[in-house]
Amino acid sequence: MAEKKDFMGVYKKRYNPTKEGYGNATEWNSAFSARMGRDEAKKTLGDTDPLEALELTGKPTWEEIKTQYRKLAMRYHPDRGGDAVMFKKVQAAYELLEEQYT
């Protein structure tokens, strides 16, 4: 019978919380919990209208904005082979619209 591999053992050997980059748990936690501020969002979008960045027209509801944001975030996410610049613009547009609608 084939020997069963211990994947957690391999993970524990490679995981290093003090290591820089992907192995550092503190860096991951801060990156996930950090949100783009209003000033950074305005700087990222420049003169682009937030609704235009989310490819919306007219006066959409908050639910339509959230749906479109999620759709575009999945399309442009860098981990899925998307465009990092467009992903940032979509995030910035959502951040600015969230302030207005909620």
N, C-alpha and C. Protein backbone atom coordinates (compact mmCIF):
# COMPACT_ATOMS: atom_id res chain seq x y z
N MET A 1 0.84 -1.18 0.00
CA MET A 1 0.00 0.00 0.00
C MET A 1 0.89 1.25 0.00
N ALA A 2 0.47 2.25 -0.76
CA ALA A 2 1.26 3.47 -0.86
C ALA A 2 1.23 4.25 0.45
N GLU A 3 2.36 4.89 0.73
CA GLU A 3 2.46 5.67 1.95
C GLU A 3 1.62 6.95 1.82
N LYS A 4 0.86 7.27 2.85
CA LYS A 4 0.02 8.45 2.85
C LYS A 4 0.89 9.68 3.14
N LYS A 5 0.78 10.71 2.31
CA LYS A 5 1.59 11.90 2.48
C LYS A 5 1.00 12.82 3.54
N ASP A 6 1.87 13.43 4.29
CA ASP A 6 1.46 14.34 5.35
C ASP A 6 1.59 15.77 4.82
N PHE A 7 0.50 16.31 4.26
CA PHE A 7 0.56 17.63 3.67
C PHE A 7 0.72 18.73 4.73
N MET A 8 0.11 18.55 5.89
CA MET A 8 0.26 19.56 6.94
C MET A 8 1.71 19.62 7.42
N GLY A 9 2.38 18.51 7.44
CA GLY A 9 3.79 18.51 7.83
C GLY A 9 4.62 19.32 6.86
N VAL A 10 4.34 19.16 5.57
CA VAL A 10 5.05 19.92 4.54
C VAL A 10 4.73 21.41 4.71
N TYR A 11 3.48 21.73 4.97
CA TYR A 11 3.08 23.13 5.15
C TYR A 11 3.79 23.73 6.36
N LYS A 12 3.81 23.02 7.44
CA LYS A 12 4.45 23.53 8.66
C LYS A 12 5.95 23.77 8.45
N LYS A 13 6.57 22.95 7.64
CA LYS A 13 8.00 23.13 7.37
C LYS A 13 8.24 24.39 6.54
N ARG A 14 7.33 24.71 5.62
CA ARG A 14 7.51 25.86 4.73
C ARG A 14 7.00 27.16 5.33
N TYR A 15 6.03 27.09 6.24
CA TYR A 15 5.44 28.29 6.80
C TYR A 15 6.37 28.92 7.82
N ASN A 16 6.61 30.21 7.66
CA ASN A 16 7.48 30.93 8.58
C ASN A 16 6.86 32.30 8.85
N PRO A 17 6.25 32.50 10.04
CA PRO A 17 5.57 33.77 10.30
C PRO A 17 6.50 34.98 10.34
N THR A 18 7.79 34.77 10.47
CA THR A 18 8.72 35.91 10.51
C THR A 18 9.30 36.23 9.14
N LYS A 19 9.03 35.39 8.16
CA LYS A 19 9.57 35.57 6.82
C LYS A 19 8.86 36.73 6.10
N GLU A 20 9.59 37.44 5.27
CA GLU A 20 9.01 38.52 4.47
C GLU A 20 8.21 37.93 3.31
N GLY A 21 7.23 38.65 2.83
CA GLY A 21 6.48 38.24 1.65
C GLY A 21 5.32 37.33 1.98
N TYR A 22 5.09 36.33 1.15
CA TYR A 22 3.91 35.48 1.28
C TYR A 22 3.87 34.68 2.58
N GLY A 23 5.01 34.37 3.15
CA GLY A 23 5.01 33.54 4.35
C GLY A 23 4.72 34.31 5.62
N ASN A 24 4.68 35.63 5.56
CA ASN A 24 4.50 36.43 6.76
C ASN A 24 3.01 36.64 7.05
N ALA A 25 2.54 36.03 8.14
CA ALA A 25 1.12 36.10 8.48
C ALA A 25 0.69 37.53 8.82
N THR A 26 1.55 38.29 9.43
CA THR A 26 1.21 39.66 9.79
C THR A 26 0.97 40.50 8.55
N GLU A 27 1.79 40.32 7.53
CA GLU A 27 1.62 41.07 6.28
C GLU A 27 0.28 40.72 5.62
N TRP A 28 -0.05 39.44 5.61
CA TRP A 28 -1.32 39.02 5.01
C TRP A 28 -2.49 39.62 5.77
N ASN A 29 -2.47 39.53 7.10
CA ASN A 29 -3.57 40.06 7.90
C ASN A 29 -3.75 41.55 7.70
N SER A 30 -2.66 42.29 7.67
CA SER A 30 -2.79 43.74 7.50
C SER A 30 -3.27 44.08 6.09
N ALA A 31 -2.85 43.33 5.09
CA ALA A 31 -3.29 43.58 3.72
C ALA A 31 -4.79 43.31 3.56
N PHE A 32 -5.28 42.26 4.19
CA PHE A 32 -6.69 41.93 4.06
C PHE A 32 -7.58 42.87 4.86
N SER A 33 -7.09 43.35 5.99
CA SER A 33 -7.93 44.20 6.82
C SER A 33 -7.87 45.67 6.41
N ALA A 34 -6.84 46.05 5.68
CA ALA A 34 -6.70 47.45 5.26
C ALA A 34 -7.70 47.78 4.16
N ARG A 35 -8.29 48.95 4.26
CA ARG A 35 -9.20 49.41 3.23
C ARG A 35 -8.63 50.66 2.59
N MET A 36 -8.99 50.85 1.37
CA MET A 36 -8.54 52.03 0.64
C MET A 36 -9.29 53.24 1.20
N GLY A 37 -8.57 54.28 1.53
CA GLY A 37 -9.19 55.50 2.04
C GLY A 37 -9.78 56.34 0.93
N ARG A 38 -10.59 57.31 1.33
CA ARG A 38 -11.25 58.19 0.36
C ARG A 38 -10.24 58.95 -0.50
N ASP A 39 -9.21 59.48 0.13
CA ASP A 39 -8.21 60.25 -0.62
C ASP A 39 -7.46 59.36 -1.62
N GLU A 40 -7.09 58.17 -1.18
CA GLU A 40 -6.40 57.24 -2.07
C GLU A 40 -7.30 56.81 -3.22
N ALA A 41 -8.59 56.62 -2.92
CA ALA A 41 -9.54 56.23 -3.96
C ALA A 41 -9.70 57.33 -5.01
N LYS A 42 -9.79 58.58 -4.55
CA LYS A 42 -9.90 59.70 -5.49
C LYS A 42 -8.65 59.82 -6.35
N LYS A 43 -7.50 59.61 -5.73
CA LYS A 43 -6.23 59.68 -6.46
C LYS A 43 -6.14 58.57 -7.50
N THR A 44 -6.60 57.38 -7.14
CA THR A 44 -6.55 56.23 -8.05
C THR A 44 -7.47 56.44 -9.25
N LEU A 45 -8.66 56.97 -9.01
CA LEU A 45 -9.62 57.17 -10.10
C LEU A 45 -9.29 58.38 -10.97
N GLY A 46 -8.71 59.39 -10.37
CA GLY A 46 -8.42 60.61 -11.14
C GLY A 46 -9.71 61.30 -11.54
N ASP A 47 -9.88 61.58 -12.82
CA ASP A 47 -11.08 62.27 -13.32
C ASP A 47 -12.19 61.31 -13.71
N THR A 48 -11.97 60.03 -13.57
CA THR A 48 -12.97 59.04 -13.97
C THR A 48 -14.12 59.01 -12.98
N ASP A 49 -15.34 58.97 -13.50
CA ASP A 49 -16.53 58.87 -12.66
C ASP A 49 -16.60 57.46 -12.06
N PRO A 50 -16.91 57.32 -10.77
CA PRO A 50 -16.98 55.99 -10.16
C PRO A 50 -17.97 55.05 -10.85
N LEU A 51 -19.10 55.58 -11.29
CA LEU A 51 -20.08 54.73 -11.99
C LEU A 51 -19.53 54.26 -13.34
N GLU A 52 -18.78 55.13 -14.00
CA GLU A 52 -18.17 54.76 -15.27
C GLU A 52 -17.11 53.67 -15.07
N ALA A 53 -16.36 53.78 -13.98
CA ALA A 53 -15.34 52.77 -13.69
C ALA A 53 -15.96 51.40 -13.43
N LEU A 54 -17.18 51.41 -12.88
CA LEU A 54 -17.89 50.15 -12.65
C LEU A 54 -18.78 49.76 -13.83
N GLU A 55 -18.67 50.49 -14.93
CA GLU A 55 -19.42 50.22 -16.16
C GLU A 55 -20.93 50.28 -15.92
N LEU A 56 -21.35 51.28 -15.13
CA LEU A 56 -22.77 51.48 -14.84
C LEU A 56 -23.23 52.82 -15.38
N THR A 57 -24.50 52.91 -15.71
CA THR A 57 -25.06 54.17 -16.19
C THR A 57 -26.32 54.49 -15.40
N GLY A 58 -26.76 55.71 -15.49
CA GLY A 58 -27.99 56.12 -14.82
C GLY A 58 -27.82 56.20 -13.31
N LYS A 59 -28.88 55.85 -12.60
CA LYS A 59 -28.91 55.90 -11.14
C LYS A 59 -29.12 54.47 -10.62
N PRO A 60 -28.04 53.68 -10.50
CA PRO A 60 -28.20 52.30 -10.06
C PRO A 60 -28.51 52.20 -8.56
N THR A 61 -29.12 51.10 -8.17
CA THR A 61 -29.36 50.85 -6.76
C THR A 61 -28.08 50.33 -6.13
N TRP A 62 -28.05 50.31 -4.80
CA TRP A 62 -26.86 49.81 -4.11
C TRP A 62 -26.62 48.33 -4.43
N GLU A 63 -27.67 47.56 -4.57
CA GLU A 63 -27.54 46.13 -4.90
C GLU A 63 -26.91 45.95 -6.29
N GLU A 64 -27.30 46.78 -7.25
CA GLU A 64 -26.70 46.72 -8.58
C GLU A 64 -25.22 47.08 -8.54
N ILE A 65 -24.88 48.05 -7.72
CA ILE A 65 -23.47 48.45 -7.59
C ILE A 65 -22.66 47.31 -6.99
N LYS A 66 -23.17 46.70 -5.94
CA LYS A 66 -22.44 45.59 -5.30
C LYS A 66 -22.26 44.42 -6.26
N THR A 67 -23.30 44.10 -6.99
CA THR A 67 -23.23 42.99 -7.95
C THR A 67 -22.20 43.27 -9.03
N GLN A 68 -22.24 44.47 -9.59
CA GLN A 68 -21.29 44.83 -10.65
C GLN A 68 -19.86 44.87 -10.11
N TYR A 69 -19.68 45.39 -8.90
CA TYR A 69 -18.35 45.42 -8.29
C TYR A 69 -17.77 44.02 -8.16
N ARG A 70 -18.56 43.10 -7.64
CA ARG A 70 -18.08 41.72 -7.47
C ARG A 70 -17.74 41.07 -8.80
N LYS A 71 -18.58 41.33 -9.79
CA LYS A 71 -18.33 40.77 -11.13
C LYS A 71 -17.02 41.29 -11.71
N LEU A 72 -16.81 42.61 -11.63
CA LEU A 72 -15.59 43.19 -12.18
C LEU A 72 -14.36 42.85 -11.34
N ALA A 73 -14.53 42.76 -10.03
CA ALA A 73 -13.40 42.40 -9.17
C ALA A 73 -12.91 40.99 -9.51
N MET A 74 -13.82 40.09 -9.79
CA MET A 74 -13.42 38.73 -10.19
C MET A 74 -12.74 38.75 -11.56
N ARG A 75 -13.24 39.58 -12.47
CA ARG A 75 -12.67 39.64 -13.82
C ARG A 75 -11.25 40.22 -13.80
N TYR A 76 -11.03 41.28 -13.02
CA TYR A 76 -9.75 41.98 -13.04
C TYR A 76 -8.79 41.57 -11.93
N HIS A 77 -9.16 40.63 -11.08
CA HIS A 77 -8.29 40.27 -9.95
C HIS A 77 -6.95 39.73 -10.46
N PRO A 78 -5.84 40.25 -9.95
CA PRO A 78 -4.51 39.82 -10.43
C PRO A 78 -4.23 38.33 -10.23
N ASP A 79 -4.79 37.74 -9.20
CA ASP A 79 -4.57 36.30 -8.98
C ASP A 79 -5.28 35.44 -10.01
N ARG A 80 -6.22 36.02 -10.71
CA ARG A 80 -6.95 35.29 -11.76
C ARG A 80 -6.47 35.68 -13.15
N GLY A 81 -5.33 36.34 -13.22
CA GLY A 81 -4.76 36.72 -14.51
C GLY A 81 -5.33 38.01 -15.06
N GLY A 82 -5.93 38.82 -14.19
CA GLY A 82 -6.54 40.07 -14.64
C GLY A 82 -5.56 41.24 -14.60
N ASP A 83 -6.11 42.40 -14.82
CA ASP A 83 -5.34 43.64 -14.88
C ASP A 83 -5.34 44.30 -13.50
N ALA A 84 -4.18 44.44 -12.88
CA ALA A 84 -4.06 44.99 -11.53
C ALA A 84 -4.49 46.46 -11.47
N VAL A 85 -4.21 47.21 -12.51
CA VAL A 85 -4.58 48.63 -12.54
C VAL A 85 -6.10 48.78 -12.56
N MET A 86 -6.76 48.00 -13.40
CA MET A 86 -8.22 48.05 -13.47
C MET A 86 -8.84 47.56 -12.16
N PHE A 87 -8.21 46.57 -11.55
CA PHE A 87 -8.71 46.06 -10.27
C PHE A 87 -8.69 47.17 -9.22
N LYS A 88 -7.61 47.95 -9.18
CA LYS A 88 -7.49 49.06 -8.23
C LYS A 88 -8.55 50.12 -8.51
N LYS A 89 -8.81 50.40 -9.79
CA LYS A 89 -9.82 51.39 -10.15
C LYS A 89 -11.22 50.94 -9.73
N VAL A 90 -11.50 49.67 -9.91
CA VAL A 90 -12.80 49.13 -9.50
C VAL A 90 -12.94 49.22 -7.98
N GLN A 91 -11.88 48.90 -7.26
CA GLN A 91 -11.92 49.02 -5.80
C GLN A 91 -12.15 50.46 -5.37
N ALA A 92 -11.45 51.39 -6.00
CA ALA A 92 -11.58 52.80 -5.66
C ALA A 92 -13.00 53.30 -5.93
N ALA A 93 -13.56 52.92 -7.06
CA ALA A 93 -14.92 53.33 -7.40
C ALA A 93 -15.91 52.80 -6.38
N TYR A 94 -15.77 51.56 -6.00
CA TYR A 94 -16.66 50.96 -5.01
C TYR A 94 -16.54 51.69 -3.67
N GLU A 95 -15.34 52.01 -3.28
CA GLU A 95 -15.10 52.70 -2.00
C GLU A 95 -15.80 54.06 -1.99
N LEU A 96 -15.69 54.81 -3.07
CA LEU A 96 -16.33 56.12 -3.14
C LEU A 96 -17.85 56.02 -3.18
N LEU A 97 -18.37 55.05 -3.91
CA LEU A 97 -19.82 54.88 -4.00
C LEU A 97 -20.41 54.35 -2.69
N GLU A 98 -19.64 53.55 -1.99
CA GLU A 98 -20.11 53.01 -0.72
C GLU A 98 -20.40 54.15 0.27
N GLU A 99 -19.56 55.16 0.24
CA GLU A 99 -19.77 56.34 1.10
C GLU A 99 -21.08 57.04 0.78
N GLN A 100 -21.38 57.15 -0.50
CA GLN A 100 -22.60 57.86 -0.92
C GLN A 100 -23.88 57.08 -0.64
N TYR A 101 -23.83 55.77 -0.82
CA TYR A 101 -25.05 54.96 -0.77
C TYR A 101 -25.36 54.38 0.61
N THR A 102 -24.36 54.33 1.50
CA THR A 102 -24.64 53.73 2.80
C THR A 102 -24.58 54.74 3.90
